[in-house]
Amino acid sequence: MTNTCGPTAKAPWDASRWPNFTAAEIACRCCGEIYIDEAALDALQRLRDALGGPLTITSGHRCRRHNRAVGGAAASAHLKLAFDIAVSPYARGSLLALARGAGFLRFGLMRSGLHVDLVPPDASHAEMWTYGPESRAAWAGLFPEETPDIGGK
């Protein structure tokens, strides 16, 4: 894992290992800071390969300032490397199943996206959560009833 502050051009990016992504796609949207987590990027590439089509990453790494600005949790997995992926054009159930099969461990079910990361679930980290009534409705039938809801979108 590598944390590189500053422009993504300085990031140790392996284009042959992650051919469907760029450092800019996973970098912090406000400052370009990047965090390279090879295991997370390998899982992302496996997901892309399994889908056989593009993935739109709406959020990858976040610097602390950006994480605060978007209302991220103080210990958000995005402070290292997590991915919020747009659901469209995929079926939610397929995307979730393939993300699990690619090796991701935790899943946030957003109204129009899916959060994935490699943080092991435990007493402090749920395996799955939703972001309010709209996300619960969008993902209905695809999560256990006892799945926690953290509000939001």
N, C-alpha and C. Protein backbone atom coordinates (compact mmCIF):
# COMPACT_ATOMS: atom_id res chain seq x y z
N MET A 1 0.84 -1.18 0.00
CA MET A 1 0.00 0.00 0.00
C MET A 1 0.89 1.24 0.00
N THR A 2 0.53 2.17 -0.81
CA THR A 2 1.31 3.39 -0.94
C THR A 2 0.39 4.59 -0.84
N ASN A 3 0.76 5.55 -0.03
CA ASN A 3 0.02 6.80 0.06
C ASN A 3 0.90 7.87 -0.56
N THR A 4 0.44 8.42 -1.67
CA THR A 4 1.19 9.45 -2.35
C THR A 4 0.39 10.74 -2.30
N CYS A 5 0.89 11.74 -1.61
CA CYS A 5 0.19 13.02 -1.56
C CYS A 5 0.60 13.83 -2.78
N GLY A 6 -0.38 14.43 -3.41
CA GLY A 6 -0.10 15.26 -4.55
C GLY A 6 -0.60 14.66 -5.85
N PRO A 7 -0.10 15.14 -6.96
CA PRO A 7 -0.61 14.74 -8.26
C PRO A 7 -0.49 13.24 -8.52
N THR A 8 -1.48 12.72 -9.23
CA THR A 8 -1.50 11.29 -9.53
C THR A 8 -0.38 10.90 -10.48
N ALA A 9 0.19 11.84 -11.20
CA ALA A 9 1.27 11.52 -12.14
C ALA A 9 2.46 10.89 -11.43
N LYS A 10 2.62 11.13 -10.14
CA LYS A 10 3.73 10.57 -9.38
C LYS A 10 3.39 9.21 -8.76
N ALA A 11 2.17 8.73 -8.95
CA ALA A 11 1.75 7.48 -8.33
C ALA A 11 2.40 6.28 -9.02
N PRO A 12 2.77 5.27 -8.23
CA PRO A 12 3.34 4.04 -8.81
C PRO A 12 2.22 3.17 -9.39
N TRP A 13 1.77 3.52 -10.59
CA TRP A 13 0.63 2.85 -11.20
C TRP A 13 1.09 1.75 -12.14
N ASP A 14 0.51 0.55 -12.01
CA ASP A 14 0.85 -0.58 -12.86
C ASP A 14 -0.26 -0.79 -13.88
N ALA A 15 -0.13 -0.16 -15.03
CA ALA A 15 -1.18 -0.22 -16.06
C ALA A 15 -1.36 -1.62 -16.62
N SER A 16 -0.34 -2.45 -16.56
CA SER A 16 -0.51 -3.82 -17.05
C SER A 16 -1.31 -4.67 -16.05
N ARG A 17 -1.24 -4.31 -14.79
CA ARG A 17 -1.97 -5.06 -13.76
C ARG A 17 -3.42 -4.60 -13.64
N TRP A 18 -3.65 -3.29 -13.84
CA TRP A 18 -5.00 -2.71 -13.74
C TRP A 18 -5.31 -1.98 -15.05
N PRO A 19 -5.42 -2.73 -16.16
CA PRO A 19 -5.52 -2.11 -17.48
C PRO A 19 -6.79 -1.31 -17.73
N ASN A 20 -7.83 -1.55 -16.96
CA ASN A 20 -9.10 -0.86 -17.21
C ASN A 20 -9.30 0.37 -16.34
N PHE A 21 -8.27 0.77 -15.61
CA PHE A 21 -8.40 1.90 -14.69
C PHE A 21 -7.17 2.79 -14.80
N THR A 22 -7.32 4.01 -14.29
CA THR A 22 -6.20 4.94 -14.23
C THR A 22 -6.04 5.43 -12.80
N ALA A 23 -4.87 5.92 -12.48
CA ALA A 23 -4.63 6.47 -11.15
C ALA A 23 -5.60 7.62 -10.88
N ALA A 24 -5.88 8.42 -11.89
CA ALA A 24 -6.79 9.57 -11.71
C ALA A 24 -8.19 9.13 -11.28
N GLU A 25 -8.64 7.96 -11.73
CA GLU A 25 -9.98 7.48 -11.37
C GLU A 25 -10.13 7.17 -9.89
N ILE A 26 -9.04 6.78 -9.25
CA ILE A 26 -9.14 6.40 -7.84
C ILE A 26 -8.60 7.47 -6.90
N ALA A 27 -8.02 8.51 -7.45
CA ALA A 27 -7.42 9.59 -6.65
C ALA A 27 -8.50 10.46 -6.02
N CYS A 28 -8.12 11.16 -4.95
CA CYS A 28 -9.02 12.12 -4.31
C CYS A 28 -9.46 13.16 -5.33
N ARG A 29 -10.76 13.41 -5.37
CA ARG A 29 -11.33 14.34 -6.35
C ARG A 29 -10.95 15.80 -6.06
N CYS A 30 -10.56 16.10 -4.82
CA CYS A 30 -10.29 17.51 -4.53
C CYS A 30 -8.82 17.89 -4.68
N CYS A 31 -7.91 16.94 -4.49
CA CYS A 31 -6.49 17.33 -4.48
C CYS A 31 -5.57 16.39 -5.27
N GLY A 32 -6.09 15.28 -5.72
CA GLY A 32 -5.27 14.34 -6.48
C GLY A 32 -4.46 13.38 -5.64
N GLU A 33 -4.57 13.48 -4.30
CA GLU A 33 -3.86 12.53 -3.44
C GLU A 33 -4.32 11.12 -3.81
N ILE A 34 -3.38 10.20 -3.78
CA ILE A 34 -3.71 8.82 -4.15
C ILE A 34 -3.19 7.85 -3.11
N TYR A 35 -3.89 6.76 -2.97
CA TYR A 35 -3.50 5.69 -2.06
C TYR A 35 -3.58 4.40 -2.86
N ILE A 36 -2.46 3.75 -3.05
CA ILE A 36 -2.42 2.51 -3.82
C ILE A 36 -2.52 1.34 -2.86
N ASP A 37 -3.60 0.60 -2.97
CA ASP A 37 -3.80 -0.64 -2.22
C ASP A 37 -3.93 -1.73 -3.28
N GLU A 38 -2.86 -2.48 -3.48
CA GLU A 38 -2.83 -3.47 -4.55
C GLU A 38 -3.95 -4.49 -4.45
N ALA A 39 -4.25 -4.96 -3.24
CA ALA A 39 -5.32 -5.95 -3.08
C ALA A 39 -6.67 -5.37 -3.49
N ALA A 40 -6.93 -4.13 -3.11
CA ALA A 40 -8.20 -3.49 -3.49
C ALA A 40 -8.27 -3.28 -5.00
N LEU A 41 -7.18 -2.84 -5.59
CA LEU A 41 -7.16 -2.63 -7.04
C LEU A 41 -7.27 -3.95 -7.79
N ASP A 42 -6.66 -5.00 -7.27
CA ASP A 42 -6.80 -6.32 -7.89
C ASP A 42 -8.26 -6.78 -7.85
N ALA A 43 -8.94 -6.56 -6.72
CA ALA A 43 -10.35 -6.93 -6.61
C ALA A 43 -11.19 -6.11 -7.59
N LEU A 44 -10.88 -4.82 -7.72
CA LEU A 44 -11.60 -3.96 -8.66
C LEU A 44 -11.42 -4.47 -10.09
N GLN A 45 -10.20 -4.85 -10.44
CA GLN A 45 -9.94 -5.37 -11.78
C GLN A 45 -10.67 -6.70 -12.00
N ARG A 46 -10.70 -7.57 -10.97
CA ARG A 46 -11.45 -8.84 -11.09
C ARG A 46 -12.93 -8.56 -11.32
N LEU A 47 -13.48 -7.55 -10.61
CA LEU A 47 -14.88 -7.19 -10.81
C LEU A 47 -15.10 -6.72 -12.24
N ARG A 48 -14.24 -5.87 -12.73
CA ARG A 48 -14.35 -5.36 -14.11
C ARG A 48 -14.29 -6.51 -15.10
N ASP A 49 -13.37 -7.43 -14.89
CA ASP A 49 -13.24 -8.58 -15.79
C ASP A 49 -14.50 -9.44 -15.76
N ALA A 50 -15.05 -9.68 -14.57
CA ALA A 50 -16.26 -10.49 -14.43
C ALA A 50 -17.47 -9.82 -15.10
N LEU A 51 -17.55 -8.50 -15.01
CA LEU A 51 -18.66 -7.78 -15.63
C LEU A 51 -18.53 -7.74 -17.15
N GLY A 52 -17.31 -7.75 -17.63
CA GLY A 52 -17.09 -7.67 -19.06
C GLY A 52 -17.45 -6.32 -19.65
N GLY A 53 -17.53 -5.31 -18.81
CA GLY A 53 -17.87 -3.97 -19.27
C GLY A 53 -17.33 -2.95 -18.30
N PRO A 54 -17.49 -1.68 -18.64
CA PRO A 54 -16.88 -0.61 -17.84
C PRO A 54 -17.53 -0.43 -16.47
N LEU A 55 -16.76 0.14 -15.56
CA LEU A 55 -17.23 0.53 -14.24
C LEU A 55 -17.01 2.03 -14.10
N THR A 56 -17.99 2.71 -13.54
CA THR A 56 -17.82 4.13 -13.25
C THR A 56 -17.57 4.27 -11.77
N ILE A 57 -16.37 4.72 -11.42
CA ILE A 57 -16.01 4.93 -10.02
C ILE A 57 -16.38 6.37 -9.67
N THR A 58 -17.31 6.52 -8.74
CA THR A 58 -17.73 7.86 -8.35
C THR A 58 -16.93 8.38 -7.17
N SER A 59 -16.26 7.49 -6.44
CA SER A 59 -15.38 7.89 -5.35
C SER A 59 -14.40 6.77 -5.08
N GLY A 60 -13.14 7.13 -4.94
CA GLY A 60 -12.09 6.17 -4.59
C GLY A 60 -11.46 6.63 -3.29
N HIS A 61 -10.19 6.99 -3.36
CA HIS A 61 -9.50 7.52 -2.17
C HIS A 61 -10.00 8.94 -1.90
N ARG A 62 -10.06 9.29 -0.62
CA ARG A 62 -10.39 10.66 -0.21
C ARG A 62 -9.35 11.13 0.80
N CYS A 63 -8.86 12.34 0.59
CA CYS A 63 -8.02 12.95 1.62
C CYS A 63 -8.95 13.29 2.80
N ARG A 64 -8.39 13.57 3.95
CA ARG A 64 -9.21 13.86 5.13
C ARG A 64 -10.12 15.07 4.91
N ARG A 65 -9.61 16.10 4.27
CA ARG A 65 -10.42 17.30 4.04
C ARG A 65 -11.63 16.98 3.16
N HIS A 66 -11.41 16.24 2.07
CA HIS A 66 -12.51 15.90 1.17
C HIS A 66 -13.51 14.97 1.86
N ASN A 67 -13.00 14.04 2.64
CA ASN A 67 -13.88 13.12 3.35
C ASN A 67 -14.81 13.88 4.29
N ARG A 68 -14.27 14.86 5.01
CA ARG A 68 -15.10 15.70 5.90
C ARG A 68 -16.13 16.48 5.07
N ALA A 69 -15.70 17.03 3.94
CA ALA A 69 -16.56 17.86 3.11
C ALA A 69 -17.76 17.10 2.56
N VAL A 70 -17.59 15.80 2.29
CA VAL A 70 -18.70 15.00 1.74
C VAL A 70 -19.46 14.27 2.84
N GLY A 71 -19.12 14.51 4.10
CA GLY A 71 -19.83 13.88 5.20
C GLY A 71 -19.44 12.43 5.44
N GLY A 72 -18.23 12.06 5.01
CA GLY A 72 -17.76 10.70 5.22
C GLY A 72 -17.50 10.41 6.69
N ALA A 73 -17.58 9.15 7.05
CA ALA A 73 -17.31 8.73 8.43
C ALA A 73 -15.87 9.07 8.80
N ALA A 74 -15.65 9.36 10.07
CA ALA A 74 -14.31 9.73 10.54
C ALA A 74 -13.28 8.65 10.24
N ALA A 75 -13.70 7.40 10.26
CA ALA A 75 -12.80 6.30 9.96
C ALA A 75 -13.17 5.63 8.63
N SER A 76 -13.62 6.41 7.68
CA SER A 76 -14.06 5.89 6.38
C SER A 76 -12.98 5.07 5.71
N ALA A 77 -13.38 3.98 5.09
CA ALA A 77 -12.45 3.17 4.30
C ALA A 77 -11.90 3.96 3.12
N HIS A 78 -12.59 5.01 2.70
CA HIS A 78 -12.12 5.86 1.59
C HIS A 78 -10.84 6.62 1.96
N LEU A 79 -10.54 6.75 3.26
CA LEU A 79 -9.31 7.43 3.65
C LEU A 79 -8.09 6.64 3.19
N LYS A 80 -8.26 5.37 3.01
CA LYS A 80 -7.24 4.53 2.34
C LYS A 80 -7.79 4.31 0.95
N LEU A 81 -8.41 3.15 0.70
CA LEU A 81 -8.97 2.94 -0.62
C LEU A 81 -10.22 2.09 -0.56
N ALA A 82 -11.31 2.68 -0.94
CA ALA A 82 -12.60 2.02 -1.11
C ALA A 82 -13.16 2.57 -2.41
N PHE A 83 -14.17 1.94 -2.92
CA PHE A 83 -14.75 2.39 -4.18
C PHE A 83 -16.25 2.54 -4.07
N ASP A 84 -16.77 3.64 -4.55
CA ASP A 84 -18.19 3.79 -4.80
C ASP A 84 -18.34 3.66 -6.30
N ILE A 85 -19.18 2.72 -6.71
CA ILE A 85 -19.33 2.38 -8.12
C ILE A 85 -20.77 2.66 -8.54
N ALA A 86 -20.95 3.32 -9.67
CA ALA A 86 -22.29 3.54 -10.20
C ALA A 86 -22.90 2.19 -10.59
N VAL A 87 -24.16 1.98 -10.25
CA VAL A 87 -24.83 0.72 -10.57
C VAL A 87 -25.06 0.60 -12.08
N SER A 88 -25.58 1.65 -12.69
CA SER A 88 -25.93 1.60 -14.11
C SER A 88 -24.70 1.30 -14.95
N PRO A 89 -24.77 0.41 -15.88
CA PRO A 89 -25.91 -0.22 -16.53
C PRO A 89 -26.20 -1.64 -16.04
N TYR A 90 -25.71 -1.99 -14.87
CA TYR A 90 -25.80 -3.38 -14.40
C TYR A 90 -27.01 -3.62 -13.50
N ALA A 91 -27.45 -4.86 -13.45
CA ALA A 91 -28.49 -5.26 -12.50
C ALA A 91 -27.87 -5.27 -11.11
N ARG A 92 -28.57 -4.72 -10.13
CA ARG A 92 -28.03 -4.60 -8.78
C ARG A 92 -27.58 -5.94 -8.20
N GLY A 93 -28.43 -6.95 -8.32
CA GLY A 93 -28.10 -8.25 -7.76
C GLY A 93 -26.85 -8.84 -8.38
N SER A 94 -26.71 -8.69 -9.69
CA SER A 94 -25.51 -9.20 -10.38
C SER A 94 -24.27 -8.45 -9.94
N LEU A 95 -24.36 -7.12 -9.87
CA LEU A 95 -23.22 -6.32 -9.46
C LEU A 95 -22.78 -6.70 -8.05
N LEU A 96 -23.73 -6.83 -7.14
CA LEU A 96 -23.42 -7.20 -5.76
C LEU A 96 -22.77 -8.59 -5.70
N ALA A 97 -23.34 -9.56 -6.39
CA ALA A 97 -22.80 -10.92 -6.38
C ALA A 97 -21.40 -10.97 -6.98
N LEU A 98 -21.19 -10.26 -8.07
CA LEU A 98 -19.87 -10.26 -8.70
C LEU A 98 -18.84 -9.52 -7.86
N ALA A 99 -19.27 -8.46 -7.16
CA ALA A 99 -18.35 -7.75 -6.26
C ALA A 99 -17.92 -8.67 -5.11
N ARG A 100 -18.85 -9.42 -4.59
CA ARG A 100 -18.52 -10.38 -3.53
C ARG A 100 -17.55 -11.44 -4.08
N GLY A 101 -17.85 -11.94 -5.27
CA GLY A 101 -17.00 -12.95 -5.89
C GLY A 101 -15.61 -12.43 -6.24
N ALA A 102 -15.49 -11.12 -6.47
CA ALA A 102 -14.19 -10.51 -6.79
C ALA A 102 -13.32 -10.37 -5.56
N GLY A 103 -13.92 -10.57 -4.38
CA GLY A 103 -13.14 -10.52 -3.14
C GLY A 103 -13.43 -9.37 -2.21
N PHE A 104 -14.36 -8.47 -2.59
CA PHE A 104 -14.70 -7.39 -1.67
C PHE A 104 -15.40 -7.96 -0.44
N LEU A 105 -15.22 -7.29 0.70
CA LEU A 105 -15.72 -7.81 1.98
C LEU A 105 -16.89 -7.03 2.56
N ARG A 106 -17.04 -5.74 2.18
CA ARG A 106 -18.12 -4.92 2.74
C ARG A 106 -18.81 -4.16 1.61
N PHE A 107 -20.13 -3.92 1.83
CA PHE A 107 -20.96 -3.38 0.77
C PHE A 107 -21.94 -2.36 1.31
N GLY A 108 -21.86 -1.14 0.79
CA GLY A 108 -22.81 -0.09 1.12
C GLY A 108 -23.75 0.06 -0.06
N LEU A 109 -25.03 -0.10 0.20
CA LEU A 109 -26.03 -0.09 -0.86
C LEU A 109 -26.64 1.31 -0.99
N MET A 110 -26.19 2.06 -1.97
CA MET A 110 -26.65 3.42 -2.21
C MET A 110 -27.79 3.41 -3.22
N ARG A 111 -28.52 4.50 -3.28
CA ARG A 111 -29.64 4.61 -4.21
C ARG A 111 -29.20 4.26 -5.64
N SER A 112 -28.08 4.80 -6.09
CA SER A 112 -27.66 4.54 -7.46
C SER A 112 -26.21 4.06 -7.53
N GLY A 113 -25.70 3.54 -6.42
CA GLY A 113 -24.33 3.08 -6.40
C GLY A 113 -24.11 1.97 -5.41
N LEU A 114 -22.90 1.43 -5.45
CA LEU A 114 -22.48 0.37 -4.54
C LEU A 114 -21.11 0.73 -3.99
N HIS A 115 -21.00 0.81 -2.67
CA HIS A 115 -19.72 1.00 -1.99
C HIS A 115 -19.12 -0.38 -1.77
N VAL A 116 -17.84 -0.55 -2.09
CA VAL A 116 -17.13 -1.80 -1.83
C VAL A 116 -15.78 -1.49 -1.21
N ASP A 117 -15.35 -2.37 -0.29
CA ASP A 117 -14.02 -2.22 0.29
C ASP A 117 -13.54 -3.56 0.82
N LEU A 118 -12.32 -3.56 1.34
CA LEU A 118 -11.70 -4.79 1.87
C LEU A 118 -11.52 -4.77 3.38
N VAL A 119 -12.26 -3.91 4.07
CA VAL A 119 -12.19 -3.88 5.53
C VAL A 119 -12.93 -5.12 6.05
N PRO A 120 -12.27 -5.95 6.86
CA PRO A 120 -12.96 -7.14 7.36
C PRO A 120 -14.13 -6.76 8.27
N PRO A 121 -15.30 -7.33 8.01
CA PRO A 121 -16.44 -7.05 8.89
C PRO A 121 -16.15 -7.55 10.31
N ASP A 122 -16.58 -6.78 11.30
CA ASP A 122 -16.45 -7.17 12.70
C ASP A 122 -17.51 -6.41 13.50
N ALA A 123 -17.38 -6.39 14.80
CA ALA A 123 -18.38 -5.72 15.64
C ALA A 123 -18.50 -4.23 15.33
N SER A 124 -17.44 -3.62 14.84
CA SER A 124 -17.46 -2.19 14.52
C SER A 124 -17.71 -1.89 13.05
N HIS A 125 -17.63 -2.91 12.21
CA HIS A 125 -17.74 -2.72 10.76
C HIS A 125 -18.73 -3.73 10.19
N ALA A 126 -19.93 -3.26 9.85
CA ALA A 126 -20.94 -4.14 9.27
C ALA A 126 -20.50 -4.62 7.89
N GLU A 127 -20.95 -5.80 7.53
CA GLU A 127 -20.65 -6.32 6.19
C GLU A 127 -21.46 -5.58 5.13
N MET A 128 -22.66 -5.14 5.49
CA MET A 128 -23.54 -4.50 4.54
C MET A 128 -24.37 -3.45 5.25
N TRP A 129 -24.67 -2.36 4.57
CA TRP A 129 -25.51 -1.31 5.14
C TRP A 129 -26.21 -0.59 4.00
N THR A 130 -27.25 0.16 4.35
CA THR A 130 -27.96 0.98 3.38
C THR A 130 -27.86 2.44 3.80
N TYR A 131 -28.31 3.33 2.90
CA TYR A 131 -28.18 4.77 3.11
C TYR A 131 -29.55 5.46 3.08
N GLY A 132 -30.51 4.92 3.79
CA GLY A 132 -31.81 5.58 3.85
C GLY A 132 -32.88 4.86 3.05
N PRO A 133 -34.13 5.36 3.14
CA PRO A 133 -35.27 4.69 2.53
C PRO A 133 -35.14 4.49 1.02
N GLU A 134 -34.57 5.47 0.32
CA GLU A 134 -34.45 5.32 -1.13
C GLU A 134 -33.48 4.20 -1.50
N SER A 135 -32.39 4.08 -0.77
CA SER A 135 -31.44 3.01 -1.08
C SER A 135 -32.03 1.65 -0.67
N ARG A 136 -32.76 1.61 0.44
CA ARG A 136 -33.40 0.35 0.85
C ARG A 136 -34.42 -0.09 -0.20
N ALA A 137 -35.17 0.85 -0.75
CA ALA A 137 -36.16 0.51 -1.78
C ALA A 137 -35.47 0.04 -3.06
N ALA A 138 -34.39 0.71 -3.44
CA ALA A 138 -33.69 0.36 -4.67
C ALA A 138 -33.08 -1.04 -4.62
N TRP A 139 -32.63 -1.45 -3.44
CA TRP A 139 -31.96 -2.74 -3.27
C TRP A 139 -32.88 -3.79 -2.62
N ALA A 140 -34.16 -3.51 -2.53
CA ALA A 140 -35.12 -4.41 -1.85
C ALA A 140 -34.95 -5.85 -2.32
N GLY A 141 -34.94 -6.74 -1.34
CA GLY A 141 -34.82 -8.17 -1.61
C GLY A 141 -33.40 -8.65 -1.79
N LEU A 142 -32.43 -7.74 -1.77
CA LEU A 142 -31.04 -8.11 -2.00
C LEU A 142 -30.17 -8.02 -0.76
N PHE A 143 -30.80 -7.75 0.39
CA PHE A 143 -30.04 -7.67 1.64
C PHE A 143 -30.91 -8.21 2.77
N PRO A 144 -30.26 -8.74 3.81
CA PRO A 144 -31.03 -9.24 4.96
C PRO A 144 -31.79 -8.12 5.65
N GLU A 145 -32.95 -8.42 6.19
CA GLU A 145 -33.79 -7.42 6.83
C GLU A 145 -33.08 -6.69 7.96
N GLU A 146 -32.20 -7.37 8.67
CA GLU A 146 -31.50 -6.76 9.81
C GLU A 146 -30.33 -5.87 9.39
N THR A 147 -30.13 -5.67 8.10
CA THR A 147 -29.06 -4.82 7.60
C THR A 147 -29.22 -3.41 8.16
N PRO A 148 -28.16 -2.86 8.77
CA PRO A 148 -28.26 -1.50 9.34
C PRO A 148 -28.42 -0.44 8.25
N ASP A 149 -29.08 0.64 8.63
CA ASP A 149 -29.26 1.78 7.75
C ASP A 149 -28.54 2.95 8.39
N ILE A 150 -27.65 3.61 7.63
CA ILE A 150 -26.91 4.74 8.20
C ILE A 150 -27.42 6.08 7.71
N GLY A 151 -28.51 6.07 6.95
CA GLY A 151 -29.08 7.30 6.44
C GLY A 151 -28.31 7.83 5.25
N GLY A 152 -28.73 8.91 4.73
CA GLY A 152 -28.08 9.51 3.57
C GLY A 152 -28.73 9.10 2.27
N LYS A 153 -27.95 8.92 1.24
CA LYS A 153 -28.49 8.60 -0.09
C LYS A 153 -28.13 7.19 -0.45
